[in-house]
């Protein structure tokens, strides 16, 4: 199923759906409406990435050392799961895969930095 075949109610998080000022993508008739929708989704994405980052920071606290920050099998596991979900949602894997790989790379970098800052006496 492609994204264009799904209604915004099937795709959009509740916060975006419940904002009466926002117009569903399929009902947009102006670029102002499109931009407002994109801005609202971006705010939600920031919140989700911030939440994900809290788990990355927990990993920095739990893992034994810097040699455990990059875990190749886990990277591929995450990408595989994301691509499966993208396919279910009708999101192009050509878009999803590079976005997640970059997110993973930056998360790995952040995890290492947090580990070095907070556990420098242990490492």
PDB file of N, CA and C in Angstrom:
ATOM      1  N   UNK A   1       0.854  -1.171   0.000  1.00  0.00           N
ATOM      2  CA  UNK A   1       0.000   0.000   0.000  1.00  0.00           C
ATOM      3  C   UNK A   1       0.899   1.233   0.000  1.00  0.00           C
ATOM      4  N   UNK A   2       0.624   2.210  -0.866  1.00  0.00           N
ATOM      5  CA  UNK A   2       1.437   3.421  -0.895  1.00  0.00           C
ATOM      6  C   UNK A   2       0.856   4.448   0.062  1.00  0.00           C
ATOM      7  N   UNK A   3       1.692   5.426   0.427  1.00  0.00           N
ATOM      8  CA  UNK A   3       1.224   6.469   1.334  1.00  0.00           C
ATOM      9  C   UNK A   3       0.035   7.211   0.747  1.00  0.00           C
ATOM     10  N   UNK A   4       0.029   7.411  -0.560  1.00  0.00           N
ATOM     11  CA  UNK A   4      -1.071   8.144  -1.177  1.00  0.00           C
ATOM     12  C   UNK A   4      -2.376   7.369  -1.123  1.00  0.00           C
ATOM     13  N   UNK A   5      -2.315   6.063  -0.905  1.00  0.00           N
ATOM     14  CA  UNK A   5      -3.523   5.252  -0.804  1.00  0.00           C
ATOM     15  C   UNK A   5      -4.039   5.161   0.633  1.00  0.00           C
ATOM     16  N   UNK A   6      -3.251   5.677   1.577  1.00  0.00           N
ATOM     17  CA  UNK A   6      -3.661   5.638   2.976  1.00  0.00           C
ATOM     18  C   UNK A   6      -4.208   7.010   3.362  1.00  0.00           C
ATOM     19  N   UNK A   7      -5.168   7.039   4.240  1.00  0.00           N
ATOM     20  CA  UNK A   7      -5.672   8.325   4.719  1.00  0.00           C
ATOM     21  C   UNK A   7      -4.703   8.877   5.757  1.00  0.00           C
ATOM     22  N   UNK A   8      -4.744  10.167   5.942  1.00  0.00           N
ATOM     23  CA  UNK A   8      -3.865  10.770   6.941  1.00  0.00           C
ATOM     24  C   UNK A   8      -4.154  10.216   8.325  1.00  0.00           C
ATOM     25  N   UNK A   9      -5.388   9.810   8.579  1.00  0.00           N
ATOM     26  CA  UNK A   9      -5.735   9.232   9.882  1.00  0.00           C
ATOM     27  C   UNK A   9      -4.987   7.930  10.129  1.00  0.00           C
ATOM     28  N   UNK A  10      -4.639   7.204   9.065  1.00  0.00           N
ATOM     29  CA  UNK A  10      -3.895   5.958   9.209  1.00  0.00           C
ATOM     30  C   UNK A  10      -2.410   6.208   9.422  1.00  0.00           C
ATOM     31  N   UNK A  11      -1.924   7.360   9.031  1.00  0.00           N
ATOM     32  CA  UNK A  11      -0.496   7.654   9.053  1.00  0.00           C
ATOM     33  C   UNK A  11      -0.113   8.600  10.179  1.00  0.00           C
ATOM     34  N   UNK A  12      -0.889   9.658  10.353  1.00  0.00           N
ATOM     35  CA  UNK A  12      -0.481  10.733  11.240  1.00  0.00           C
ATOM     36  C   UNK A  12      -0.667  10.385  12.700  1.00  0.00           C
ATOM     37  N   UNK A  13       0.300  10.776  13.532  1.00  0.00           N
ATOM     38  CA  UNK A  13       0.142  10.592  14.980  1.00  0.00           C
ATOM     39  C   UNK A  13      -1.058  11.390  15.488  1.00  0.00           C
ATOM     40  N   UNK A  14      -1.578  10.987  16.600  1.00  0.00           N
ATOM     41  CA  UNK A  14      -2.781  11.583  17.166  1.00  0.00           C
ATOM     42  C   UNK A  14      -2.653  13.085  17.362  1.00  0.00           C
ATOM     43  N   UNK A  15      -1.511  13.552  17.839  1.00  0.00           N
ATOM     44  CA  UNK A  15      -1.342  14.983  18.108  1.00  0.00           C
ATOM     45  C   UNK A  15      -1.609  15.803  16.847  1.00  0.00           C
ATOM     46  N   UNK A  16      -1.091  15.368  15.731  1.00  0.00           N
ATOM     47  CA  UNK A  16      -1.293  16.075  14.476  1.00  0.00           C
ATOM     48  C   UNK A  16      -2.746  15.961  14.034  1.00  0.00           C
ATOM     49  N   UNK A  17      -3.321  14.797  14.163  1.00  0.00           N
ATOM     50  CA  UNK A  17      -4.719  14.590  13.764  1.00  0.00           C
ATOM     51  C   UNK A  17      -5.667  15.477  14.561  1.00  0.00           C
ATOM     52  N   UNK A  18      -5.380  15.671  15.822  1.00  0.00           N
ATOM     53  CA  UNK A  18      -6.297  16.380  16.705  1.00  0.00           C
ATOM     54  C   UNK A  18      -6.184  17.894  16.627  1.00  0.00           C
ATOM     55  N   UNK A  19      -5.240  18.433  15.870  1.00  0.00           N
ATOM     56  CA  UNK A  19      -5.077  19.873  15.747  1.00  0.00           C
ATOM     57  C   UNK A  19      -6.069  20.391  14.712  1.00  0.00           C
ATOM     58  N   UNK A  20      -7.098  21.110  15.154  1.00  0.00           N
ATOM     59  CA  UNK A  20      -8.124  21.560  14.208  1.00  0.00           C
ATOM     60  C   UNK A  20      -7.597  22.563  13.188  1.00  0.00           C
ATOM     61  N   UNK A  21      -6.476  23.208  13.465  1.00  0.00           N
ATOM     62  CA  UNK A  21      -5.920  24.190  12.539  1.00  0.00           C
ATOM     63  C   UNK A  21      -5.220  23.511  11.357  1.00  0.00           C
ATOM     64  N   UNK A  22      -4.868  22.246  11.511  1.00  0.00           N
ATOM     65  CA  UNK A  22      -4.169  21.544  10.439  1.00  0.00           C
ATOM     66  C   UNK A  22      -5.149  20.899   9.473  1.00  0.00           C
ATOM     67  N   UNK A  23      -4.746  20.918   8.227  1.00  0.00           N
ATOM     68  CA  UNK A  23      -5.541  20.324   7.167  1.00  0.00           C
ATOM     69  C   UNK A  23      -4.882  19.003   6.787  1.00  0.00           C
ATOM     70  N   UNK A  24      -5.660  17.970   6.591  1.00  0.00           N
ATOM     71  CA  UNK A  24      -5.120  16.681   6.152  1.00  0.00           C
ATOM     72  C   UNK A  24      -4.401  16.874   4.816  1.00  0.00           C
ATOM     73  N   UNK A  25      -3.308  16.140   4.587  1.00  0.00           N
ATOM     74  CA  UNK A  25      -2.543  16.327   3.349  1.00  0.00           C
ATOM     75  C   UNK A  25      -3.400  16.248   2.093  1.00  0.00           C
ATOM     76  N   UNK A  26      -4.321  15.297   2.070  1.00  0.00           N
ATOM     77  CA  UNK A  26      -5.148  15.135   0.872  1.00  0.00           C
ATOM     78  C   UNK A  26      -6.148  16.273   0.683  1.00  0.00           C
ATOM     79  N   UNK A  27      -6.356  17.091   1.723  1.00  0.00           N
ATOM     80  CA  UNK A  27      -7.292  18.212   1.626  1.00  0.00           C
ATOM     81  C   UNK A  27      -6.594  19.561   1.450  1.00  0.00           C
ATOM     82  N   UNK A  28      -5.266  19.572   1.470  1.00  0.00           N
ATOM     83  CA  UNK A  28      -4.527  20.830   1.310  1.00  0.00           C
ATOM     84  C   UNK A  28      -4.788  21.436  -0.060  1.00  0.00           C
ATOM     85  N   UNK A  29      -5.012  22.743  -0.054  1.00  0.00           N
ATOM     86  CA  UNK A  29      -5.206  23.463  -1.312  1.00  0.00           C
ATOM     87  C   UNK A  29      -4.217  24.618  -1.462  1.00  0.00           C
ATOM     88  N   UNK A  30      -3.353  24.802  -0.454  1.00  0.00           N
ATOM     89  CA  UNK A  30      -2.351  25.871  -0.536  1.00  0.00           C
ATOM     90  C   UNK A  30      -1.038  25.399   0.062  1.00  0.00           C
ATOM     91  N   UNK A  31       0.028  26.049  -0.347  1.00  0.00           N
ATOM     92  CA  UNK A  31       1.340  25.721   0.212  1.00  0.00           C
ATOM     93  C   UNK A  31       1.417  26.114   1.682  1.00  0.00           C
ATOM     94  N   UNK A  32       0.674  27.115   2.110  1.00  0.00           N
ATOM     95  CA  UNK A  32       0.651  27.462   3.531  1.00  0.00           C
ATOM     96  C   UNK A  32       0.124  26.290   4.355  1.00  0.00           C
ATOM     97  N   UNK A  33      -0.908  25.624   3.863  1.00  0.00           N
ATOM     98  CA  UNK A  33      -1.457  24.461   4.563  1.00  0.00           C
ATOM     99  C   UNK A  33      -0.451  23.311   4.566  1.00  0.00           C
ATOM    100  N   UNK A  34       0.194  23.086   3.437  1.00  0.00           N
ATOM    101  CA  UNK A  34       1.208  22.035   3.347  1.00  0.00           C
ATOM    102  C   UNK A  34       2.344  22.326   4.327  1.00  0.00           C
ATOM    103  N   UNK A  35       2.835  23.547   4.320  1.00  0.00           N
ATOM    104  CA  UNK A  35       3.950  23.918   5.207  1.00  0.00           C
ATOM    105  C   UNK A  35       3.572  23.808   6.677  1.00  0.00           C
ATOM    106  N   UNK A  36       2.350  24.202   7.012  1.00  0.00           N
ATOM    107  CA  UNK A  36       1.894  24.075   8.401  1.00  0.00           C
ATOM    108  C   UNK A  36       1.861  22.609   8.819  1.00  0.00           C
ATOM    109  N   UNK A  37       1.406  21.756   7.921  1.00  0.00           N
ATOM    110  CA  UNK A  37       1.386  20.324   8.220  1.00  0.00           C
ATOM    111  C   UNK A  37       2.783  19.763   8.403  1.00  0.00           C
ATOM    112  N   UNK A  38       3.697  20.140   7.508  1.00  0.00           N
ATOM    113  CA  UNK A  38       5.080  19.677   7.616  1.00  0.00           C
ATOM    114  C   UNK A  38       5.705  20.179   8.916  1.00  0.00           C
ATOM    115  N   UNK A  39       5.477  21.447   9.248  1.00  0.00           N
ATOM    116  CA  UNK A  39       6.023  21.998  10.499  1.00  0.00           C
ATOM    117  C   UNK A  39       5.507  21.233  11.713  1.00  0.00           C
ATOM    118  N   UNK A  40       4.231  20.888  11.701  1.00  0.00           N
ATOM    119  CA  UNK A  40       3.658  20.138  12.827  1.00  0.00           C
ATOM    120  C   UNK A  40       4.277  18.752  12.934  1.00  0.00           C
ATOM    121  N   UNK A  41       4.463  18.091  11.797  1.00  0.00           N
ATOM    122  CA  UNK A  41       5.082  16.766  11.804  1.00  0.00           C
ATOM    123  C   UNK A  41       6.537  16.871  12.273  1.00  0.00           C
ATOM    124  N   UNK A  42       7.240  17.910  11.827  1.00  0.00           N
ATOM    125  CA  UNK A  42       8.628  18.093  12.259  1.00  0.00           C
ATOM    126  C   UNK A  42       8.729  18.230  13.776  1.00  0.00           C
ATOM    127  N   UNK A  43       7.799  18.945  14.371  1.00  0.00           N
ATOM    128  CA  UNK A  43       7.805  19.085  15.832  1.00  0.00           C
ATOM    129  C   UNK A  43       7.632  17.718  16.494  1.00  0.00           C
ATOM    130  N   UNK A  44       6.752  16.901  15.944  1.00  0.00           N
ATOM    131  CA  UNK A  44       6.553  15.560  16.498  1.00  0.00           C
ATOM    132  C   UNK A  44       7.796  14.694  16.290  1.00  0.00           C
ATOM    133  N   UNK A  45       8.432  14.837  15.130  1.00  0.00           N
ATOM    134  CA  UNK A  45       9.658  14.065  14.872  1.00  0.00           C
ATOM    135  C   UNK A  45      10.748  14.437  15.866  1.00  0.00           C
ATOM    136  N   UNK A  46      10.885  15.722  16.161  1.00  0.00           N
ATOM    137  CA  UNK A  46      11.887  16.159  17.135  1.00  0.00           C
ATOM    138  C   UNK A  46      11.607  15.513  18.487  1.00  0.00           C
ATOM    139  N   UNK A  47      10.358  15.495  18.898  1.00  0.00           N
ATOM    140  CA  UNK A  47      10.006  14.879  20.182  1.00  0.00           C
ATOM    141  C   UNK A  47      10.328  13.385  20.181  1.00  0.00           C
ATOM    142  N   UNK A  48      10.047  12.707  19.078  1.00  0.00           N
ATOM    143  CA  UNK A  48      10.341  11.274  18.994  1.00  0.00           C
ATOM    144  C   UNK A  48      11.847  11.004  18.983  1.00  0.00           C
ATOM    145  N   UNK A  49      12.597  11.832  18.278  1.00  0.00           N
ATOM    146  CA  UNK A  49      14.054  11.658  18.253  1.00  0.00           C
ATOM    147  C   UNK A  49      14.636  11.956  19.631  1.00  0.00           C
ATOM    148  N   UNK A  50      14.091  12.954  20.312  1.00  0.00           N
ATOM    149  CA  UNK A  50      14.546  13.249  21.678  1.00  0.00           C
ATOM    150  C   UNK A  50      14.284  12.054  22.591  1.00  0.00           C
ATOM    151  N   UNK A  51      13.116  11.440  22.454  1.00  0.00           N
ATOM    152  CA  UNK A  51      12.782  10.249  23.256  1.00  0.00           C
ATOM    153  C   UNK A  51      13.720   9.097  22.921  1.00  0.00           C
ATOM    154  N   UNK A  52      13.987   8.897  21.628  1.00  0.00           N
ATOM    155  CA  UNK A  52      14.914   7.844  21.198  1.00  0.00           C
ATOM    156  C   UNK A  52      16.308   8.095  21.790  1.00  0.00           C
ATOM    157  N   UNK A  53      16.696   9.357  21.829  1.00  0.00           N
ATOM    158  CA  UNK A  53      18.013   9.721  22.354  1.00  0.00           C
ATOM    159  C   UNK A  53      18.143   9.380  23.833  1.00  0.00           C
ATOM    160  N   UNK A  54      17.061   9.452  24.563  1.00  0.00           N
ATOM    161  CA  UNK A  54      17.115   9.051  25.978  1.00  0.00           C
ATOM    162  C   UNK A  54      17.495   7.571  26.099  1.00  0.00           C
ATOM    163  N   UNK A  55      17.021   6.742  25.172  1.00  0.00           N
ATOM    164  CA  UNK A  55      17.408   5.324  25.180  1.00  0.00           C
ATOM    165  C   UNK A  55      18.862   5.153  24.776  1.00  0.00           C
ATOM    166  N   UNK A  56      19.330   5.982  23.866  1.00  0.00           N
ATOM    167  CA  UNK A  56      20.742   5.946  23.474  1.00  0.00           C
ATOM    168  C   UNK A  56      21.606   6.294  24.688  1.00  0.00           C
ATOM    169  N   UNK A  57      21.191   7.290  25.435  1.00  0.00           N
ATOM    170  CA  UNK A  57      21.946   7.684  26.631  1.00  0.00           C
ATOM    171  C   UNK A  57      21.883   6.605  27.709  1.00  0.00           C
ATOM    172  N   UNK A  58      20.779   5.885  27.785  1.00  0.00           N
ATOM    173  CA  UNK A  58      20.703   4.753  28.715  1.00  0.00           C
ATOM    174  C   UNK A  58      21.688   3.673  28.295  1.00  0.00           C
ATOM    175  N   UNK A  59      21.808   3.446  26.996  1.00  0.00           N
ATOM    176  CA  UNK A  59      22.778   2.458  26.493  1.00  0.00           C
ATOM    177  C   UNK A  59      24.195   2.870  26.876  1.00  0.00           C
ATOM    178  N   UNK A  60      24.487   4.167  26.788  1.00  0.00           N
ATOM    179  CA  UNK A  60      25.820   4.662  27.161  1.00  0.00           C
ATOM    180  C   UNK A  60      26.111   4.393  28.631  1.00  0.00           C
ATOM    181  N   UNK A  61      25.083   4.415  29.443  1.00  0.00           N
ATOM    182  CA  UNK A  61      25.236   4.151  30.875  1.00  0.00           C
ATOM    183  C   UNK A  61      25.404   2.659  31.163  1.00  0.00           C
ATOM    184  N   UNK A  62      24.735   1.809  30.366  1.00  0.00           N
ATOM    185  CA  UNK A  62      24.673   0.378  30.645  1.00  0.00           C
ATOM    186  C   UNK A  62      25.809  -0.420  30.008  1.00  0.00           C
ATOM    187  N   UNK A  63      26.186  -0.071  28.794  1.00  0.00           N
ATOM    188  CA  UNK A  63      27.208  -0.848  28.086  1.00  0.00           C
ATOM    189  C   UNK A  63      28.538  -0.814  28.823  1.00  0.00           C
ATOM    190  N   UNK A  64      29.306  -1.884  28.681  1.00  0.00           N
ATOM    191  CA  UNK A  64      30.555  -2.040  29.419  1.00  0.00           C
ATOM    192  C   UNK A  64      31.657  -1.091  28.968  1.00  0.00           C
ATOM    193  N   UNK A  65      31.682  -0.738  27.690  1.00  0.00           N
ATOM    194  CA  UNK A  65      32.761   0.120  27.227  1.00  0.00           C
ATOM    195  C   UNK A  65      32.545   0.615  25.813  1.00  0.00           C
ATOM    196  N   UNK A  66      33.472   1.444  25.350  1.00  0.00           N
ATOM    197  CA  UNK A  66      33.375   2.050  24.023  1.00  0.00           C
ATOM    198  C   UNK A  66      33.345   1.025  22.898  1.00  0.00           C
ATOM    199  N   UNK A  67      33.969  -0.126  23.117  1.00  0.00           N
ATOM    200  CA  UNK A  67      33.983  -1.154  22.072  1.00  0.00           C
ATOM    201  C   UNK A  67      32.586  -1.750  21.846  1.00  0.00           C
ATOM    202  N   UNK A  68      31.645  -1.449  22.719  1.00  0.00           N
ATOM    203  CA  UNK A  68      30.279  -1.944  22.568  1.00  0.00           C
ATOM    204  C   UNK A  68      29.329  -0.910  21.964  1.00  0.00           C
ATOM    205  N   UNK A  69      29.837   0.281  21.643  1.00  0.00           N
ATOM    206  CA  UNK A  69      28.970   1.334  21.123  1.00  0.00           C
ATOM    207  C   UNK A  69      28.462   0.980  19.728  1.00  0.00           C
ATOM    208  N   UNK A  70      29.340   0.569  18.844  1.00  0.00           N
ATOM    209  CA  UNK A  70      28.932   0.177  17.486  1.00  0.00           C
ATOM    210  C   UNK A  70      28.740  -1.335  17.462  1.00  0.00           C
ATOM    211  N   UNK A  71      27.509  -1.749  17.203  1.00  0.00           N
ATOM    212  CA  UNK A  71      27.168  -3.168  17.169  1.00  0.00           C
ATOM    213  C   UNK A  71      26.568  -3.458  15.780  1.00  0.00           C
ATOM    214  N   UNK A  72      27.400  -3.937  14.849  1.00  0.00           N
ATOM    215  CA  UNK A  72      26.950  -4.107  13.461  1.00  0.00           C
ATOM    216  C   UNK A  72      25.667  -4.923  13.295  1.00  0.00           C
ATOM    217  N   UNK A  73      25.525  -6.021  14.023  1.00  0.00           N
ATOM    218  CA  UNK A  73      24.314  -6.826  13.854  1.00  0.00           C
ATOM    219  C   UNK A  73      23.075  -6.051  14.277  1.00  0.00           C
ATOM    220  N   UNK A  74      23.223  -5.205  15.307  1.00  0.00           N
ATOM    221  CA  UNK A  74      22.090  -4.411  15.787  1.00  0.00           C
ATOM    222  C   UNK A  74      21.720  -3.325  14.776  1.00  0.00           C
ATOM    223  N   UNK A  75      22.720  -2.731  14.141  1.00  0.00           N
ATOM    224  CA  UNK A  75      22.447  -1.731  13.110  1.00  0.00           C
ATOM    225  C   UNK A  75      21.575  -2.351  12.022  1.00  0.00           C
ATOM    226  N   UNK A  76      21.982  -3.530  11.550  1.00  0.00           N
ATOM    227  CA  UNK A  76      21.226  -4.188  10.481  1.00  0.00           C
ATOM    228  C   UNK A  76      19.852  -4.645  10.956  1.00  0.00           C
ATOM    229  N   UNK A  77      19.756  -5.038  12.211  1.00  0.00           N
ATOM    230  CA  UNK A  77      18.470  -5.431  12.789  1.00  0.00           C
ATOM    231  C   UNK A  77      17.502  -4.246  12.797  1.00  0.00           C
ATOM    232  N   UNK A  78      17.993  -3.087  13.231  1.00  0.00           N
ATOM    233  CA  UNK A  78      17.155  -1.886  13.264  1.00  0.00           C
ATOM    234  C   UNK A  78      16.716  -1.511  11.849  1.00  0.00           C
ATOM    235  N   UNK A  79      17.657  -1.489  10.918  1.00  0.00           N
ATOM    236  CA  UNK A  79      17.331  -1.107   9.538  1.00  0.00           C
ATOM    237  C   UNK A  79      16.313  -2.083   8.941  1.00  0.00           C
ATOM    238  N   UNK A  80      16.495  -3.366   9.180  1.00  0.00           N
ATOM    239  CA  UNK A  80      15.556  -4.369   8.664  1.00  0.00           C
ATOM    240  C   UNK A  80      14.151  -4.121   9.201  1.00  0.00           C
ATOM    241  N   UNK A  81      14.036  -3.854  10.495  1.00  0.00           N
ATOM    242  CA  UNK A  81      12.726  -3.590  11.102  1.00  0.00           C
ATOM    243  C   UNK A  81      12.106  -2.306  10.558  1.00  0.00           C
ATOM    244  N   UNK A  82      12.922  -1.281  10.404  1.00  0.00           N
ATOM    245  CA  UNK A  82      12.425  -0.007   9.880  1.00  0.00           C
ATOM    246  C   UNK A  82      11.933  -0.171   8.445  1.00  0.00           C
ATOM    247  N   UNK A  83      12.687  -0.896   7.633  1.00  0.00           N
ATOM    248  CA  UNK A  83      12.280  -1.084   6.239  1.00  0.00           C
ATOM    249  C   UNK A  83      10.996  -1.902   6.144  1.00  0.00           C
ATOM    250  N   UNK A  84      10.840  -2.880   7.006  1.00  0.00           N
ATOM    251  CA  UNK A  84       9.596  -3.657   7.020  1.00  0.00           C
ATOM    252  C   UNK A  84       8.416  -2.754   7.382  1.00  0.00           C
ATOM    253  N   UNK A  85       8.600  -1.913   8.366  1.00  0.00           N
ATOM    254  CA  UNK A  85       7.527  -0.986   8.762  1.00  0.00           C
ATOM    255  C   UNK A  85       7.264   0.033   7.658  1.00  0.00           C
ATOM    256  N   UNK A  86       8.326   0.511   7.016  1.00  0.00           N
ATOM    257  CA  UNK A  86       8.160   1.460   5.906  1.00  0.00           C
ATOM    258  C   UNK A  86       7.322   0.834   4.805  1.00  0.00           C
ATOM    259  N   UNK A  87       7.619  -0.409   4.460  1.00  0.00           N
ATOM    260  CA  UNK A  87       6.845  -1.100   3.416  1.00  0.00           C
ATOM    261  C   UNK A  87       5.376  -1.208   3.811  1.00  0.00           C
ATOM    262  N   UNK A  88       5.109  -1.554   5.086  1.00  0.00           N
ATOM    263  CA  UNK A  88       3.724  -1.668   5.551  1.00  0.00           C
ATOM    264  C   UNK A  88       3.002  -0.329   5.447  1.00  0.00           C
ATOM    265  N   UNK A  89       3.731   0.760   5.704  1.00  0.00           N
ATOM    266  CA  UNK A  89       3.136   2.092   5.693  1.00  0.00           C
ATOM    267  C   UNK A  89       3.100   2.709   4.301  1.00  0.00           C
ATOM    268  N   UNK A  90       3.752   2.050   3.338  1.00  0.00           N
ATOM    269  CA  UNK A  90       3.801   2.602   1.988  1.00  0.00           C
ATOM    270  C   UNK A  90       4.848   3.672   1.816  1.00  0.00           C
ATOM    271  N   UNK A  91       5.790   3.757   2.742  1.00  0.00           N
ATOM    272  CA  UNK A  91       6.887   4.721   2.653  1.00  0.00           C
ATOM    273  C   UNK A  91       8.004   4.122   1.818  1.00  0.00           C
ATOM    274  N   UNK A  92       8.534   4.883   0.904  1.00  0.00           N
ATOM    275  CA  UNK A  92       9.619   4.419   0.058  1.00  0.00           C
ATOM    276  C   UNK A  92      10.825   4.007   0.901  1.00  0.00           C
ATOM    277  N   UNK A  93      11.325   2.810   0.673  1.00  0.00           N
ATOM    278  CA  UNK A  93      12.525   2.369   1.389  1.00  0.00           C
ATOM    279  C   UNK A  93      13.746   3.159   0.922  1.00  0.00           C
ATOM    280  N   UNK A  94      13.665   3.725  -0.274  1.00  0.00           N
ATOM    281  CA  UNK A  94      14.758   4.582  -0.769  1.00  0.00           C
ATOM    282  C   UNK A  94      14.864   5.850   0.065  1.00  0.00           C
ATOM    283  N   UNK A  95      13.783   6.266   0.679  1.00  0.00           N
ATOM    284  CA  UNK A  95      13.799   7.404   1.591  1.00  0.00           C
ATOM    285  C   UNK A  95      14.122   6.939   3.007  1.00  0.00           C
ATOM    286  N   UNK A  96      13.469   5.891   3.462  1.00  0.00           N
ATOM    287  CA  UNK A  96      13.594   5.449   4.853  1.00  0.00           C
ATOM    288  C   UNK A  96      15.001   4.967   5.195  1.00  0.00           C
ATOM    289  N   UNK A  97      15.602   4.151   4.332  1.00  0.00           N
ATOM    290  CA  UNK A  97      16.889   3.544   4.693  1.00  0.00           C
ATOM    291  C   UNK A  97      17.996   4.571   4.938  1.00  0.00           C
ATOM    292  N   UNK A  98      18.245   5.515   4.037  1.00  0.00           N
ATOM    293  CA  UNK A  98      19.334   6.457   4.331  1.00  0.00           C
ATOM    294  C   UNK A  98      19.032   7.358   5.527  1.00  0.00           C
ATOM    295  N   UNK A  99      17.771   7.687   5.732  1.00  0.00           N
ATOM    296  CA  UNK A  99      17.411   8.512   6.893  1.00  0.00           C
ATOM    297  C   UNK A  99      17.747   7.760   8.178  1.00  0.00           C
ATOM    298  N   UNK A 100      17.364   6.484   8.250  1.00  0.00           N
ATOM    299  CA  UNK A 100      17.637   5.714   9.475  1.00  0.00           C
ATOM    300  C   UNK A 100      19.112   5.408   9.638  1.00  0.00           C
ATOM    301  N   UNK A 101      19.791   5.131   8.558  1.00  0.00           N
ATOM    302  CA  UNK A 101      21.231   4.875   8.694  1.00  0.00           C
ATOM    303  C   UNK A 101      21.953   6.111   9.230  1.00  0.00           C
ATOM    304  N   UNK A 102      21.551   7.281   8.782  1.00  0.00           N
ATOM    305  CA  UNK A 102      22.160   8.511   9.316  1.00  0.00           C
ATOM    306  C   UNK A 102      21.763   8.717  10.772  1.00  0.00           C
ATOM    307  N   UNK A 103      20.509   8.471  11.099  1.00  0.00           N
ATOM    308  CA  UNK A 103      20.069   8.569  12.488  1.00  0.00           C
ATOM    309  C   UNK A 103      20.873   7.618  13.377  1.00  0.00           C
ATOM    310  N   UNK A 104      21.076   6.411  12.910  1.00  0.00           N
ATOM    311  CA  UNK A 104      21.858   5.426  13.666  1.00  0.00           C
ATOM    312  C   UNK A 104      23.292   5.903  13.836  1.00  0.00           C
ATOM    313  N   UNK A 105      23.915   6.394  12.767  1.00  0.00           N
ATOM    314  CA  UNK A 105      25.304   6.863  12.851  1.00  0.00           C
ATOM    315  C   UNK A 105      25.446   8.007  13.846  1.00  0.00           C
ATOM    316  N   UNK A 106      24.530   8.956  13.792  1.00  0.00           N
ATOM    317  CA  UNK A 106      24.591  10.074  14.731  1.00  0.00           C
ATOM    318  C   UNK A 106      24.289   9.619  16.153  1.00  0.00           C
ATOM    319  N   UNK A 107      23.444   8.616  16.300  1.00  0.00           N
ATOM    320  CA  UNK A 107      23.147   8.063  17.629  1.00  0.00           C
ATOM    321  C   UNK A 107      24.372   7.358  18.203  1.00  0.00           C
ATOM    322  N   UNK A 108      25.074   6.630  17.358  1.00  0.00           N
ATOM    323  CA  UNK A 108      26.303   5.957  17.795  1.00  0.00           C
ATOM    324  C   UNK A 108      27.331   6.994  18.250  1.00  0.00           C
ATOM    325  N   UNK A 109      27.472   8.044  17.456  1.00  0.00           N
ATOM    326  CA  UNK A 109      28.404   9.119  17.809  1.00  0.00           C
ATOM    327  C   UNK A 109      28.019   9.738  19.153  1.00  0.00           C
ATOM    328  N   UNK A 110      26.736  10.024  19.322  1.00  0.00           N
ATOM    329  CA  UNK A 110      26.252  10.621  20.566  1.00  0.00           C
ATOM    330  C   UNK A 110      26.484   9.679  21.749  1.00  0.00           C
ATOM    331  N   UNK A 111      26.189   8.418  21.550  1.00  0.00           N
ATOM    332  CA  UNK A 111      26.381   7.439  22.624  1.00  0.00           C
ATOM    333  C   UNK A 111      27.836   7.407  23.078  1.00  0.00           C
ATOM    334  N   UNK A 112      28.753   7.384  22.120  1.00  0.00           N
ATOM    335  CA  UNK A 112      30.173   7.385  22.460  1.00  0.00           C
ATOM    336  C   UNK A 112      30.586   8.638  23.212  1.00  0.00           C
ATOM    337  N   UNK A 113      30.090   9.787  22.764  1.00  0.00           N
ATOM    338  CA  UNK A 113      30.405  11.046  23.440  1.00  0.00           C
ATOM    339  C   UNK A 113      29.866  11.064  24.862  1.00  0.00           C
ATOM    340  N   UNK A 114      28.631  10.607  25.033  1.00  0.00           N
ATOM    341  CA  UNK A 114      28.029  10.568  26.373  1.00  0.00           C
ATOM    342  C   UNK A 114      28.823   9.623  27.261  1.00  0.00           C
ATOM    343  N   UNK A 115      29.185   8.479  26.723  1.00  0.00           N
ATOM    344  CA  UNK A 115      29.945   7.509  27.500  1.00  0.00           C
ATOM    345  C   UNK A 115      31.284   8.105  27.941  1.00  0.00           C
ATOM    346  N   UNK A 116      31.960   8.776  27.044  1.00  0.00           N
ATOM    347  CA  UNK A 116      33.257   9.370  27.384  1.00  0.00           C
ATOM    348  C   UNK A 116      33.121  10.473  28.423  1.00  0.00           C
ATOM    349  N   UNK A 117      32.074  11.269  28.330  1.00  0.00           N
ATOM    350  CA  UNK A 117      31.880  12.376  29.271  1.00  0.00           C
ATOM    351  C   UNK A 117      31.450  11.895  30.652  1.00  0.00           C
ATOM    352  N   UNK A 118      30.559  10.920  30.692  1.00  0.00           N
ATOM    353  CA  UNK A 118      29.959  10.532  31.970  1.00  0.00           C
ATOM    354  C   UNK A 118      30.681   9.400  32.664  1.00  0.00           C
ATOM    355  N   UNK A 119      31.512   8.666  31.906  1.00  0.00           N
ATOM    356  CA  UNK A 119      32.146   7.492  32.506  1.00  0.00           C
ATOM    357  C   UNK A 119      33.657   7.474  32.263  1.00  0.00           C
ATOM    358  N   UNK A 120      34.247   8.651  32.127  1.00  0.00           N
ATOM    359  CA  UNK A 120      35.663   8.725  31.775  1.00  0.00           C
ATOM    360  C   UNK A 120      36.554   8.000  32.783  1.00  0.00           C
ATOM    361  N   UNK A 121      36.165   7.946  34.041  1.00  0.00           N
ATOM    362  CA  UNK A 121      36.982   7.255  35.045  1.00  0.00           C
ATOM    363  C   UNK A 121      36.894   5.721  34.898  1.00  0.00           C
ATOM    364  N   UNK A 122      35.808   5.230  34.306  1.00  0.00           N
ATOM    365  CA  UNK A 122      35.607   3.785  34.152  1.00  0.00           C
ATOM    366  C   UNK A 122      36.231   3.225  32.875  1.00  0.00           C
ATOM    367  N   UNK A 123      36.362   4.061  31.862  1.00  0.00           N
ATOM    368  CA  UNK A 123      36.756   3.566  30.540  1.00  0.00           C
ATOM    369  C   UNK A 123      38.257   3.444  30.381  1.00  0.00           C
TER     370      UNK A 123
END
